[in-house]
Amino acid sequence: MDGEPVEIVTRDDVRLGGHLWRGPGETAAGAIIINPATGVLARYYHRYARFLAGHGFDVLTYDYRGIGRSRPERLAGCGYRWRDWGERDFEAALGFMRKRARGGDLMVVGHSIGGFLPGLAESAAAVDRMLTIGAQYAWWGDYALRRRLNLFLKWHVAMPALTAACGYFPGRRLGWLEDLPAGVANEWSFRGPRFERSHPTAERHRVLERMAAVKASILAVAVSDDELGTLTAVRRTLAYYEGAERTVILVHPSDYGCATLGHFSLFHDSHAAGFWSDTLLWLRERRHPWSSCIVPA
């Protein structure tokens, strides 16, 4: 089953490319928006989207502005920022799915920054439930201690230097991530422990109010060997969702018979019979099988 190519238009008239995956039947078990990690193509999540659609959900995958099917002809000078992905792109994706809902709850699966972005959208209160995996906004002080120096040099020294030289971050040539707009790369590189300080002073209070207004039930998955989305980083993100019911679980590679999991591998289809199937309980019924893995939020 393949997704139907769709176009999502944002309020500032940016065209985002995506795919809509329809579950069988005339009604759906629910509507799910998959928010990618930074610099990761939406197609990375297509196998999981296909899996969810096969279990009765309608699923939207999409690329943020500047990435993949939403990339402009010229990336340098496009002016796109990280916060635009939440305030404008996710907002548009949310409106798109609300119009096409065929029953059930409206939900978000957010990977990495994709679990943080929903709180930036004005309509985020419409989300009923969220599942986040390694949700964080990349403050270097939250990186795993064993890798912190290397990651700092990579993302907070090399990335801004290359972005300044090229007018965008040439991640694809380096084999690191997809290319990133300069505004996205620089928000990542220079962000501090308080994300709202990357916004103009006059906007900060409103941004915090918007995140606190989210009432969705959130199940936040942290992975013990994730060097980016550490438990500390996940908790830092969740603290902004102060109006939501929040549950944090910490999974280990051994829980799924693996030597490593890291930041990305839970979306590999090798986890279809394990982690993917486990997520269905949360998405269908707001229950989960990880009671022994719960840690303080």
C-alpha atoms as a PDB file:
ATOM      1  CA  MET A   1       0.000   0.000   0.000  1.00  0.00           C
ATOM      2  CA  ASP A   2       1.533   3.298  -1.097  1.00  0.00           C
ATOM      3  CA  GLY A   3       0.699   6.750   0.179  1.00  0.00           C
ATOM      4  CA  GLU A   4      -1.033   9.289  -2.028  1.00  0.00           C
ATOM      5  CA  PRO A   5       1.196  12.301  -2.850  1.00  0.00           C
ATOM      6  CA  VAL A   6      -0.319  15.472  -1.389  1.00  0.00           C
ATOM      7  CA  GLU A   7       0.533  19.152  -1.169  1.00  0.00           C
ATOM      8  CA  ILE A   8       0.048  21.141   2.022  1.00  0.00           C
ATOM      9  CA  VAL A   9      -0.059  24.931   1.773  1.00  0.00           C
ATOM     10  CA  THR A  10       1.087  26.953   4.778  1.00  0.00           C
ATOM     11  CA  ARG A  11      -0.308  30.312   5.788  1.00  0.00           C
ATOM     12  CA  ASP A  12       2.727  32.059   4.276  1.00  0.00           C
ATOM     13  CA  ASP A  13       2.089  30.189   0.989  1.00  0.00           C
ATOM     14  CA  VAL A  14       4.935  27.680   1.216  1.00  0.00           C
ATOM     15  CA  ARG A  15       4.095  24.385  -0.511  1.00  0.00           C
ATOM     16  CA  LEU A  16       4.994  21.292   1.492  1.00  0.00           C
ATOM     17  CA  GLY A  17       5.219  17.864  -0.124  1.00  0.00           C
ATOM     18  CA  GLY A  18       3.780  14.891   1.711  1.00  0.00           C
ATOM     19  CA  HIS A  19       1.956  11.577   1.455  1.00  0.00           C
ATOM     20  CA  LEU A  20      -1.404  10.535   2.851  1.00  0.00           C
ATOM     21  CA  TRP A  21      -1.827   6.897   3.824  1.00  0.00           C
ATOM     22  CA  ARG A  22      -5.440   5.728   4.181  1.00  0.00           C
ATOM     23  CA  GLY A  23      -6.459   2.796   6.333  1.00  0.00           C
ATOM     24  CA  PRO A  24      -8.926   0.312   4.832  1.00  0.00           C
ATOM     25  CA  GLY A  25     -12.644   0.844   5.263  1.00  0.00           C
ATOM     26  CA  GLU A  26     -14.917   3.869   5.356  1.00  0.00           C
ATOM     27  CA  THR A  27     -13.790   5.034   8.808  1.00  0.00           C
ATOM     28  CA  ALA A  28     -10.375   5.197  10.439  1.00  0.00           C
ATOM     29  CA  ALA A  29      -9.052   4.150  13.836  1.00  0.00           C
ATOM     30  CA  GLY A  30      -7.664   7.667  14.099  1.00  0.00           C
ATOM     31  CA  ALA A  31      -5.596  10.281  12.236  1.00  0.00           C
ATOM     32  CA  ILE A  32      -1.827  10.430  12.755  1.00  0.00           C
ATOM     33  CA  ILE A  33       0.695  13.052  11.688  1.00  0.00           C
ATOM     34  CA  ILE A  34       4.323  11.900  11.651  1.00  0.00           C
ATOM     35  CA  ASN A  35       6.794  14.699  12.395  1.00  0.00           C
ATOM     36  CA  PRO A  36      10.352  13.872  11.256  1.00  0.00           C
ATOM     37  CA  ALA A  37      13.641  14.574  12.990  1.00  0.00           C
ATOM     38  CA  THR A  38      15.795  17.478  11.819  1.00  0.00           C
ATOM     39  CA  GLY A  39      17.342  16.893   8.416  1.00  0.00           C
ATOM     40  CA  VAL A  40      15.573  13.557   7.913  1.00  0.00           C
ATOM     41  CA  LEU A  41      13.401  12.949   4.860  1.00  0.00           C
ATOM     42  CA  ALA A  42       9.747  12.066   5.425  1.00  0.00           C
ATOM     43  CA  ARG A  43      10.251   8.928   3.361  1.00  0.00           C
ATOM     44  CA  TYR A  44      12.369   7.518   6.215  1.00  0.00           C
ATOM     45  CA  TYR A  45       9.061   7.060   8.067  1.00  0.00           C
ATOM     46  CA  HIS A  46       7.065   5.628   5.168  1.00  0.00           C
ATOM     47  CA  ARG A  47       7.438   2.021   6.294  1.00  0.00           C
ATOM     48  CA  TYR A  48       6.027   2.900   9.706  1.00  0.00           C
ATOM     49  CA  ALA A  49       3.249   4.947   8.068  1.00  0.00           C
ATOM     50  CA  ARG A  50       2.368   1.961   5.876  1.00  0.00           C
ATOM     51  CA  PHE A  51       2.304  -0.257   8.975  1.00  0.00           C
ATOM     52  CA  LEU A  52      -0.040   2.125  10.808  1.00  0.00           C
ATOM     53  CA  ALA A  53      -2.340   2.454   7.795  1.00  0.00           C
ATOM     54  CA  GLY A  54      -2.489  -1.318   7.591  1.00  0.00           C
ATOM     55  CA  HIS A  55      -3.852  -1.277  11.154  1.00  0.00           C
ATOM     56  CA  GLY A  56      -6.652   1.122  10.313  1.00  0.00           C
ATOM     57  CA  PHE A  57      -5.157   4.616  10.779  1.00  0.00           C
ATOM     58  CA  ASP A  58      -5.028   7.493   8.339  1.00  0.00           C
ATOM     59  CA  VAL A  59      -1.437   8.774   8.365  1.00  0.00           C
ATOM     60  CA  LEU A  60       0.227  11.922   7.026  1.00  0.00           C
ATOM     61  CA  THR A  61       3.954  12.101   6.339  1.00  0.00           C
ATOM     62  CA  TYR A  62       5.457  15.368   5.119  1.00  0.00           C
ATOM     63  CA  ASP A  63       8.731  17.213   4.679  1.00  0.00           C
ATOM     64  CA  TYR A  64       9.333  20.466   6.525  1.00  0.00           C
ATOM     65  CA  ARG A  65      10.140  23.528   4.427  1.00  0.00           C
ATOM     66  CA  GLY A  66      13.653  23.298   2.992  1.00  0.00           C
ATOM     67  CA  ILE A  67      13.764  19.476   3.157  1.00  0.00           C
ATOM     68  CA  GLY A  68      13.075  16.764   0.576  1.00  0.00           C
ATOM     69  CA  ARG A  69       9.844  17.331  -1.363  1.00  0.00           C
ATOM     70  CA  SER A  70       9.498  20.753   0.299  1.00  0.00           C
ATOM     71  CA  ARG A  71      12.901  22.059  -0.776  1.00  0.00           C
ATOM     72  CA  PRO A  72      12.976  25.257  -2.855  1.00  0.00           C
ATOM     73  CA  GLU A  73      15.073  25.561  -5.995  1.00  0.00           C
ATOM     74  CA  ARG A  74      17.596  27.656  -4.081  1.00  0.00           C
ATOM     75  CA  LEU A  75      18.185  26.846  -0.413  1.00  0.00           C
ATOM     76  CA  ALA A  76      20.684  29.613   0.297  1.00  0.00           C
ATOM     77  CA  GLY A  77      18.896  32.794   1.300  1.00  0.00           C
ATOM     78  CA  CYS A  78      15.454  31.183   1.655  1.00  0.00           C
ATOM     79  CA  GLY A  79      15.046  32.548   5.197  1.00  0.00           C
ATOM     80  CA  TYR A  80      13.479  29.394   6.667  1.00  0.00           C
ATOM     81  CA  ARG A  81      13.860  28.918  10.414  1.00  0.00           C
ATOM     82  CA  TRP A  82      13.545  25.976  12.757  1.00  0.00           C
ATOM     83  CA  ARG A  83      10.568  27.495  14.542  1.00  0.00           C
ATOM     84  CA  ASP A  84       8.757  27.858  11.197  1.00  0.00           C
ATOM     85  CA  TRP A  85       8.550  24.081  11.123  1.00  0.00           C
ATOM     86  CA  GLY A  86       6.281  24.173  14.169  1.00  0.00           C
ATOM     87  CA  GLU A  87       4.507  27.519  13.891  1.00  0.00           C
ATOM     88  CA  ARG A  88       3.740  27.220  10.178  1.00  0.00           C
ATOM     89  CA  ASP A  89       4.468  23.769   8.778  1.00  0.00           C
ATOM     90  CA  PHE A  90       3.026  21.608  11.542  1.00  0.00           C
ATOM     91  CA  GLU A  91       0.154  24.072  11.890  1.00  0.00           C
ATOM     92  CA  ALA A  92      -0.641  23.519   8.206  1.00  0.00           C
ATOM     93  CA  ALA A  93      -0.283  19.730   8.514  1.00  0.00           C
ATOM     94  CA  LEU A  94      -2.663  19.792  11.470  1.00  0.00           C
ATOM     95  CA  GLY A  95      -5.255  21.746   9.495  1.00  0.00           C
ATOM     96  CA  PHE A  96      -4.843  19.375   6.555  1.00  0.00           C
ATOM     97  CA  MET A  97      -5.560  16.303   8.674  1.00  0.00           C
ATOM     98  CA  ARG A  98      -8.419  17.873  10.628  1.00  0.00           C
ATOM     99  CA  LYS A  99     -10.273  18.426   7.356  1.00  0.00           C
ATOM    100  CA  ARG A 100      -9.708  14.831   6.267  1.00  0.00           C
ATOM    101  CA  ALA A 101     -10.358  13.022   9.550  1.00  0.00           C
ATOM    102  CA  ARG A 102     -12.485   9.889   9.139  1.00  0.00           C
ATOM    103  CA  GLY A 103     -13.026   9.194  12.816  1.00  0.00           C
ATOM    104  CA  GLY A 104     -10.980   8.535  15.929  1.00  0.00           C
ATOM    105  CA  ASP A 105      -8.515  10.773  17.735  1.00  0.00           C
ATOM    106  CA  LEU A 106      -6.095  13.201  16.136  1.00  0.00           C
ATOM    107  CA  MET A 107      -2.562  12.155  17.070  1.00  0.00           C
ATOM    108  CA  VAL A 108       1.093  12.984  16.478  1.00  0.00           C
ATOM    109  CA  VAL A 109       4.104  10.713  16.302  1.00  0.00           C
ATOM    110  CA  GLY A 110       7.106  12.980  16.752  1.00  0.00           C
ATOM    111  CA  HIS A 111      10.719  11.923  16.329  1.00  0.00           C
ATOM    112  CA  SER A 112      13.424  14.112  17.876  1.00  0.00           C
ATOM    113  CA  ILE A 113      12.563  17.780  17.115  1.00  0.00           C
ATOM    114  CA  GLY A 114       9.284  16.440  15.725  1.00  0.00           C
ATOM    115  CA  GLY A 115       8.110  15.770  19.268  1.00  0.00           C
ATOM    116  CA  PHE A 116       8.845  19.341  20.299  1.00  0.00           C
ATOM    117  CA  LEU A 117       7.390  21.227  17.337  1.00  0.00           C
ATOM    118  CA  PRO A 118       3.662  20.588  17.998  1.00  0.00           C
ATOM    119  CA  GLY A 119       3.676  22.942  20.978  1.00  0.00           C
ATOM    120  CA  LEU A 120       4.669  25.842  18.713  1.00  0.00           C
ATOM    121  CA  ALA A 121       1.503  25.579  16.605  1.00  0.00           C
ATOM    122  CA  GLU A 122      -1.494  27.772  17.414  1.00  0.00           C
ATOM    123  CA  SER A 123      -3.913  24.868  16.913  1.00  0.00           C
ATOM    124  CA  ALA A 124      -1.941  22.318  18.943  1.00  0.00           C
ATOM    125  CA  ALA A 125      -4.750  22.096  21.500  1.00  0.00           C
ATOM    126  CA  ALA A 126      -6.647  20.064  18.872  1.00  0.00           C
ATOM    127  CA  VAL A 127      -4.183  17.168  19.266  1.00  0.00           C
ATOM    128  CA  ASP A 128      -5.627  14.385  21.425  1.00  0.00           C
ATOM    129  CA  ARG A 129      -2.568  12.215  21.902  1.00  0.00           C
ATOM    130  CA  MET A 130       1.160  12.226  21.183  1.00  0.00           C
ATOM    131  CA  LEU A 131       3.834   9.565  20.965  1.00  0.00           C
ATOM    132  CA  THR A 132       7.341  10.998  20.972  1.00  0.00           C
ATOM    133  CA  ILE A 133      10.629   9.187  20.419  1.00  0.00           C
ATOM    134  CA  GLY A 134      13.819  10.902  21.572  1.00  0.00           C
ATOM    135  CA  ALA A 135      12.031  14.267  21.635  1.00  0.00           C
ATOM    136  CA  GLN A 136      14.517  17.096  22.196  1.00  0.00           C
ATOM    137  CA  TYR A 137      15.600  20.446  20.805  1.00  0.00           C
ATOM    138  CA  ALA A 138      19.344  19.853  20.652  1.00  0.00           C
ATOM    139  CA  TRP A 139      20.872  21.844  23.456  1.00  0.00           C
ATOM    140  CA  TRP A 140      24.429  20.557  23.587  1.00  0.00           C
ATOM    141  CA  GLY A 141      24.421  20.335  27.392  1.00  0.00           C
ATOM    142  CA  ASP A 142      21.907  17.472  27.161  1.00  0.00           C
ATOM    143  CA  TYR A 143      23.966  15.300  24.821  1.00  0.00           C
ATOM    144  CA  ALA A 144      25.264  12.010  26.247  1.00  0.00           C
ATOM    145  CA  LEU A 145      28.406  12.773  28.246  1.00  0.00           C
ATOM    146  CA  ARG A 146      30.501  10.165  26.442  1.00  0.00           C
ATOM    147  CA  ARG A 147      29.852  11.890  23.099  1.00  0.00           C
ATOM    148  CA  ARG A 148      29.278  15.481  24.136  1.00  0.00           C
ATOM    149  CA  LEU A 149      32.574  16.962  22.963  1.00  0.00           C
ATOM    150  CA  ASN A 150      32.445  15.311  19.539  1.00  0.00           C
ATOM    151  CA  LEU A 151      28.820  16.293  19.030  1.00  0.00           C
ATOM    152  CA  PHE A 152      29.510  19.854  20.163  1.00  0.00           C
ATOM    153  CA  LEU A 153      32.346  20.187  17.653  1.00  0.00           C
ATOM    154  CA  LYS A 154      30.196  18.697  14.892  1.00  0.00           C
ATOM    155  CA  TRP A 155      26.917  20.564  15.366  1.00  0.00           C
ATOM    156  CA  HIS A 156      27.975  23.730  17.185  1.00  0.00           C
ATOM    157  CA  VAL A 157      31.362  24.486  15.618  1.00  0.00           C
ATOM    158  CA  ALA A 158      31.576  22.814  12.200  1.00  0.00           C
ATOM    159  CA  MET A 159      27.914  23.280  11.256  1.00  0.00           C
ATOM    160  CA  PRO A 160      27.714  27.065  11.818  1.00  0.00           C
ATOM    161  CA  ALA A 161      31.091  27.579  10.111  1.00  0.00           C
ATOM    162  CA  LEU A 162      29.996  25.636   7.022  1.00  0.00           C
ATOM    163  CA  THR A 163      26.615  27.349   7.037  1.00  0.00           C
ATOM    164  CA  ALA A 164      28.275  30.769   7.048  1.00  0.00           C
ATOM    165  CA  ALA A 165      30.532  29.740   4.165  1.00  0.00           C
ATOM    166  CA  CYS A 166      27.818  28.162   1.974  1.00  0.00           C
ATOM    167  CA  GLY A 167      24.683  30.111   2.884  1.00  0.00           C
ATOM    168  CA  TYR A 168      23.065  26.840   3.982  1.00  0.00           C
ATOM    169  CA  PHE A 169      24.303  23.711   5.727  1.00  0.00           C
ATOM    170  CA  PRO A 170      25.582  21.147   3.137  1.00  0.00           C
ATOM    171  CA  GLY A 171      24.768  18.116   5.262  1.00  0.00           C
ATOM    172  CA  ARG A 172      24.126  15.759   2.347  1.00  0.00           C
ATOM    173  CA  ARG A 173      27.644  16.197   0.940  1.00  0.00           C
ATOM    174  CA  LEU A 174      29.077  15.352   4.332  1.00  0.00           C
ATOM    175  CA  GLY A 175      26.835  12.335   4.786  1.00  0.00           C
ATOM    176  CA  TRP A 176      25.583  13.779   8.082  1.00  0.00           C
ATOM    177  CA  LEU A 177      21.953  14.749   7.373  1.00  0.00           C
ATOM    178  CA  GLU A 178      20.000  16.379   4.581  1.00  0.00           C
ATOM    179  CA  ASP A 179      20.969  19.931   3.658  1.00  0.00           C
ATOM    180  CA  LEU A 180      19.463  22.512   6.021  1.00  0.00           C
ATOM    181  CA  PRO A 181      18.403  26.138   5.561  1.00  0.00           C
ATOM    182  CA  ALA A 182      20.762  28.525   7.326  1.00  0.00           C
ATOM    183  CA  GLY A 183      18.071  29.622   9.772  1.00  0.00           C
ATOM    184  CA  VAL A 184      17.426  26.040  10.844  1.00  0.00           C
ATOM    185  CA  ALA A 185      21.113  25.193  11.196  1.00  0.00           C
ATOM    186  CA  ASN A 186      21.866  28.334  13.179  1.00  0.00           C
ATOM    187  CA  GLU A 187      18.944  27.906  15.587  1.00  0.00           C
ATOM    188  CA  TRP A 188      20.308  24.446  16.315  1.00  0.00           C
ATOM    189  CA  SER A 189      23.919  25.585  16.634  1.00  0.00           C
ATOM    190  CA  PHE A 190      23.294  28.541  18.909  1.00  0.00           C
ATOM    191  CA  ARG A 191      20.306  27.435  20.957  1.00  0.00           C
ATOM    192  CA  GLY A 192      20.742  27.482  24.720  1.00  0.00           C
ATOM    193  CA  PRO A 193      19.024  25.550  27.497  1.00  0.00           C
ATOM    194  CA  ARG A 194      15.870  27.709  27.162  1.00  0.00           C
ATOM    195  CA  PHE A 195      14.488  27.306  23.646  1.00  0.00           C
ATOM    196  CA  GLU A 196      12.266  30.395  23.782  1.00  0.00           C
ATOM    197  CA  ARG A 197      15.318  32.649  23.902  1.00  0.00           C
ATOM    198  CA  SER A 198      15.820  31.981  20.200  1.00  0.00           C
ATOM    199  CA  HIS A 199      12.573  33.932  19.683  1.00  0.00           C
ATOM    200  CA  PRO A 200      12.353  37.731  19.817  1.00  0.00           C
ATOM    201  CA  THR A 201      11.813  38.948  23.377  1.00  0.00           C
ATOM    202  CA  ALA A 202       8.288  40.204  22.654  1.00  0.00           C
ATOM    203  CA  GLU A 203       7.207  36.738  21.429  1.00  0.00           C
ATOM    204  CA  ARG A 204       8.591  34.572  24.231  1.00  0.00           C
ATOM    205  CA  HIS A 205       5.675  34.755  26.645  1.00  0.00           C
ATOM    206  CA  ARG A 206       3.176  33.851  23.924  1.00  0.00           C
ATOM    207  CA  VAL A 207       5.289  30.897  22.805  1.00  0.00           C
ATOM    208  CA  LEU A 208       5.418  29.523  26.345  1.00  0.00           C
ATOM    209  CA  GLU A 209       1.664  29.998  26.753  1.00  0.00           C
ATOM    210  CA  ARG A 210       1.049  28.097  23.533  1.00  0.00           C
ATOM    211  CA  MET A 211       3.077  25.101  24.688  1.00  0.00           C
ATOM    212  CA  ALA A 212       1.442  25.097  28.116  1.00  0.00           C
ATOM    213  CA  ALA A 213      -2.003  25.084  26.454  1.00  0.00           C
ATOM    214  CA  VAL A 214      -1.418  21.648  24.896  1.00  0.00           C
ATOM    215  CA  LYS A 215      -3.741  19.148  26.634  1.00  0.00           C
ATOM    216  CA  ALA A 216      -2.791  16.004  24.713  1.00  0.00           C
ATOM    217  CA  SER A 217      -1.772  12.878  26.570  1.00  0.00           C
ATOM    218  CA  ILE A 218       1.942  12.421  25.837  1.00  0.00           C
ATOM    219  CA  LEU A 219       3.866   9.165  25.951  1.00  0.00           C
ATOM    220  CA  ALA A 220       7.546  10.069  25.632  1.00  0.00           C
ATOM    221  CA  VAL A 221       9.948   7.270  24.728  1.00  0.00           C
ATOM    222  CA  ALA A 222      13.597   7.723  25.670  1.00  0.00           C
ATOM    223  CA  VAL A 223      16.252   5.216  24.589  1.00  0.00           C
ATOM    224  CA  SER A 224      19.078   4.425  26.988  1.00  0.00           C
ATOM    225  CA  ASP A 225      21.842   4.629  24.349  1.00  0.00           C
ATOM    226  CA  ASP A 226      20.474   7.668  22.475  1.00  0.00           C
ATOM    227  CA  GLU A 227      23.292  10.215  22.403  1.00  0.00           C
ATOM    228  CA  LEU A 228      21.028  13.090  21.314  1.00  0.00           C
ATOM    229  CA  GLY A 229      17.613  12.396  22.833  1.00  0.00           C
ATOM    230  CA  THR A 230      18.883  11.564  26.295  1.00  0.00           C
ATOM    231  CA  LEU A 231      16.531  11.207  29.224  1.00  0.00           C
ATOM    232  CA  THR A 232      17.603  14.675  30.371  1.00  0.00           C
ATOM    233  CA  ALA A 233      16.816  16.131  26.948  1.00  0.00           C
ATOM    234  CA  VAL A 234      13.425  14.415  26.816  1.00  0.00           C
ATOM    235  CA  ARG A 235      12.505  15.757  30.242  1.00  0.00           C
ATOM    236  CA  ARG A 236      13.619  19.258  29.244  1.00  0.00           C
ATOM    237  CA  THR A 237      11.252  19.130  26.274  1.00  0.00           C
ATOM    238  CA  LEU A 238       8.329  17.741  28.278  1.00  0.00           C
ATOM    239  CA  ALA A 239       8.648  20.453  30.923  1.00  0.00           C
ATOM    240  CA  TYR A 240       7.221  22.944  28.422  1.00  0.00           C
ATOM    241  CA  TYR A 241       4.077  20.814  27.999  1.00  0.00           C
ATOM    242  CA  GLU A 242       3.038  21.622  31.548  1.00  0.00           C
ATOM    243  CA  GLY A 243      -0.704  21.376  30.801  1.00  0.00           C
ATOM    244  CA  ALA A 244      -0.457  17.871  29.343  1.00  0.00           C
ATOM    245  CA  GLU A 245      -0.583  14.454  30.953  1.00  0.00           C
ATOM    246  CA  ARG A 246       3.002  13.230  30.507  1.00  0.00           C
ATOM    247  CA  THR A 247       4.452   9.742  30.844  1.00  0.00           C
ATOM    248  CA  VAL A 248       8.110   8.941  30.207  1.00  0.00           C
ATOM    249  CA  ILE A 249       9.398   5.477  29.493  1.00  0.00           C
ATOM    250  CA  LEU A 250      13.044   4.468  29.170  1.00  0.00           C
ATOM    251  CA  VAL A 251      13.700   1.504  26.896  1.00  0.00           C
ATOM    252  CA  HIS A 252      16.983  -0.381  26.537  1.00  0.00           C
ATOM    253  CA  PRO A 253      18.355  -2.223  23.495  1.00  0.00           C
ATOM    254  CA  SER A 254      18.045  -5.489  25.407  1.00  0.00           C
ATOM    255  CA  ASP A 255      14.264  -4.947  25.642  1.00  0.00           C
ATOM    256  CA  TYR A 256      14.125  -5.638  21.902  1.00  0.00           C
ATOM    257  CA  GLY A 257      16.978  -8.127  21.649  1.00  0.00           C
ATOM    258  CA  CYS A 258      19.365  -5.570  20.170  1.00  0.00           C
ATOM    259  CA  ALA A 259      22.944  -4.533  20.905  1.00  0.00           C
ATOM    260  CA  THR A 260      22.121  -0.888  20.141  1.00  0.00           C
ATOM    261  CA  LEU A 261      19.106   1.291  19.337  1.00  0.00           C
ATOM    262  CA  GLY A 262      20.384   4.861  19.360  1.00  0.00           C
ATOM    263  CA  HIS A 263      18.476   7.836  18.007  1.00  0.00           C
ATOM    264  CA  PHE A 264      17.108   6.387  14.760  1.00  0.00           C
ATOM    265  CA  SER A 265      16.687   2.634  14.625  1.00  0.00           C
ATOM    266  CA  LEU A 266      13.230   2.301  16.210  1.00  0.00           C
ATOM    267  CA  PHE A 267      11.808   3.401  12.853  1.00  0.00           C
ATOM    268  CA  HIS A 268      13.493   0.520  11.006  1.00  0.00           C
ATOM    269  CA  ASP A 269      11.020  -2.123   9.882  1.00  0.00           C
ATOM    270  CA  SER A 270      13.002  -4.726  11.813  1.00  0.00           C
ATOM    271  CA  HIS A 271      10.983  -3.415  14.778  1.00  0.00           C
ATOM    272  CA  ALA A 272       7.580  -4.022  13.168  1.00  0.00           C
ATOM    273  CA  ALA A 273       6.807  -7.067  15.314  1.00  0.00           C
ATOM    274  CA  GLY A 274       8.252  -5.438  18.444  1.00  0.00           C
ATOM    275  CA  PHE A 275       8.290  -1.706  19.076  1.00  0.00           C
ATOM    276  CA  TRP A 276       5.901  -0.816  16.243  1.00  0.00           C
ATOM    277  CA  SER A 277       3.308  -3.301  17.458  1.00  0.00           C
ATOM    278  CA  ASP A 278       3.748  -2.016  21.008  1.00  0.00           C
ATOM    279  CA  THR A 279       2.927   1.538  19.871  1.00  0.00           C
ATOM    280  CA  LEU A 280      -0.471   0.410  18.569  1.00  0.00           C
ATOM    281  CA  LEU A 281      -1.799   0.073  22.120  1.00  0.00           C
ATOM    282  CA  TRP A 282      -1.070   3.729  22.810  1.00  0.00           C
ATOM    283  CA  LEU A 283      -2.380   4.984  19.495  1.00  0.00           C
ATOM    284  CA  ARG A 284      -5.575   2.940  19.664  1.00  0.00           C
ATOM    285  CA  GLU A 285      -6.443   2.901  23.347  1.00  0.00           C
ATOM    286  CA  ARG A 286      -4.108   5.257  25.276  1.00  0.00           C
ATOM    287  CA  ARG A 287      -2.549   2.222  26.963  1.00  0.00           C
ATOM    288  CA  HIS A 288       0.979   0.895  26.675  1.00  0.00           C
ATOM    289  CA  PRO A 289       2.955  -2.261  27.529  1.00  0.00           C
ATOM    290  CA  TRP A 290       5.907  -0.502  29.174  1.00  0.00           C
ATOM    291  CA  SER A 291       4.749  -0.231  32.805  1.00  0.00           C
ATOM    292  CA  SER A 292       8.084  -1.558  34.073  1.00  0.00           C
ATOM    293  CA  CYS A 293       9.938   1.072  32.031  1.00  0.00           C
ATOM    294  CA  ILE A 294       8.202   4.180  33.432  1.00  0.00           C
ATOM    295  CA  VAL A 295      10.554   6.773  34.928  1.00  0.00           C
ATOM    296  CA  PRO A 296       9.770  10.185  36.495  1.00  0.00           C
ATOM    297  CA  ALA A 297       8.821  12.817  33.903  1.00  0.00           C
END
